[in-house]
Every structure is written in structure tokens, then in C-alpha cells.
Amino acid sequence: MGRVKLQMKRIENTANRQITFSKRKNGLIKKAYELSVLCDVDVALIMFSPSRRLSLFSGNKSPVSADFDHVQVGAS
């Protein structure tokens, strides 16, 4: 028996929304790190919390800003 698919909607309670963001942010950072190690790629995450705080993650040792030095905006 599988899980019931939950409908994706905004969490109205501010405290619950912040807690959920923190937990999911940590999981997302872990997955990004794993991707960077397993595939030997540069990964950068830029996230804003519900309280508008900036969170940055870079899969390598260089700062996130260095990851974007070689990226062309609008390139496909």
C-alpha cells in the first residue's frame, strides 16, 4: 500500500512554514552536495527563507559568487 499524494499548498501557519523550510532546506543542500560529489559538477543554491533571509550553498570550496563568473545569462 502506497502513500497518499498530498496536495501542494502554502502552509498558512508562520511557525510551521519556517520549520518546514528549515527541514527541507537541509535536505535540498544534502542532495545538492551529493550531486556535486557523485557527478563532479559545480552546484550552487540560492534560497530565500519565508522571513526573506538569504541562504547560499556551493558544492565546491569556492564562494557561490565564483560559481557564476563563468555562467552566461540566458545561455542555453
Protein backbone atom coordinates (compact mmCIF):
# COMPACT_ATOMS: atom_id res chain seq x y z
CA MET A 1 0.00 0.00 0.00
CA GLY A 2 1.48 3.35 -1.07
CA ARG A 3 1.36 6.77 0.44
CA VAL A 4 -1.47 9.17 -0.22
CA LYS A 5 -0.42 12.02 -2.52
CA LEU A 6 -0.60 15.29 -0.62
CA GLN A 7 -1.86 18.41 -2.31
CA MET A 8 0.86 21.07 -2.53
CA LYS A 9 -0.35 24.29 -0.98
CA ARG A 10 1.06 27.13 1.08
CA ILE A 11 1.45 26.49 4.81
CA GLU A 12 -0.61 29.20 6.48
CA ASN A 13 0.89 28.93 9.98
CA THR A 14 4.06 31.05 10.01
CA ALA A 15 5.91 28.95 12.60
CA ASN A 16 5.12 25.68 10.81
CA ARG A 17 6.13 27.22 7.48
CA GLN A 18 9.53 28.27 8.89
CA ILE A 19 10.13 24.83 10.44
CA THR A 20 9.23 23.09 7.19
CA PHE A 21 11.51 25.41 5.23
CA SER A 22 14.44 24.68 7.55
CA LYS A 23 13.99 20.91 7.29
CA ARG A 24 13.54 20.93 3.51
CA LYS A 25 16.42 23.36 3.04
CA ASN A 26 18.77 20.96 4.82
CA GLY A 27 17.54 18.07 2.67
CA LEU A 28 17.97 20.10 -0.51
CA ILE A 29 21.52 21.10 0.46
CA LYS A 30 22.37 17.47 1.17
CA LYS A 31 21.08 16.40 -2.27
CA ALA A 32 22.96 19.23 -3.98
CA TYR A 33 26.17 18.19 -2.21
CA GLU A 34 25.66 14.56 -3.24
CA LEU A 35 25.09 15.62 -6.85
CA SER A 36 28.27 17.70 -6.85
CA VAL A 37 30.35 14.82 -5.45
CA LEU A 38 28.87 11.97 -7.47
CA CYS A 39 28.84 13.76 -10.82
CA ASP A 40 31.84 16.06 -10.25
CA VAL A 41 29.83 19.17 -11.15
CA ASP A 42 29.63 22.66 -9.69
CA VAL A 43 26.37 23.20 -7.83
CA ALA A 44 25.13 26.44 -6.31
CA LEU A 45 21.87 27.07 -4.46
CA ILE A 46 20.37 30.45 -3.68
CA MET A 47 17.35 30.38 -1.38
CA PHE A 48 15.29 32.96 0.44
CA SER A 49 13.50 31.90 3.62
CA PRO A 50 9.90 32.92 4.34
CA SER A 51 11.39 35.69 6.50
CA ARG A 52 13.42 36.87 3.44
CA ARG A 53 16.81 35.70 4.78
CA LEU A 54 19.30 34.68 2.12
CA SER A 55 20.84 31.19 2.18
CA LEU A 56 23.71 30.26 -0.12
CA PHE A 57 25.28 26.89 -0.82
CA SER A 58 28.16 25.95 -3.08
CA GLY A 59 29.09 22.34 -3.78
CA ASN A 60 32.77 23.17 -4.00
CA LYS A 61 35.15 25.09 -1.77
CA SER A 62 34.87 28.39 -3.64
CA PRO A 63 32.28 31.03 -2.74
CA VAL A 64 28.95 30.97 -4.57
CA SER A 65 29.74 34.19 -6.43
CA ALA A 66 32.72 32.47 -8.07
CA ASP A 67 30.37 29.79 -9.44
CA PHE A 68 28.56 32.42 -11.51
CA ASP A 69 31.66 34.04 -13.01
CA HIS A 70 31.65 31.56 -15.90
CA VAL A 71 27.86 31.46 -16.45
CA GLN A 72 26.29 33.48 -19.24
CA VAL A 73 22.83 34.80 -18.50
CA GLY A 74 20.29 33.50 -20.98
CA ALA A 75 22.62 30.85 -22.38
CA SER A 76 21.00 27.54 -23.21
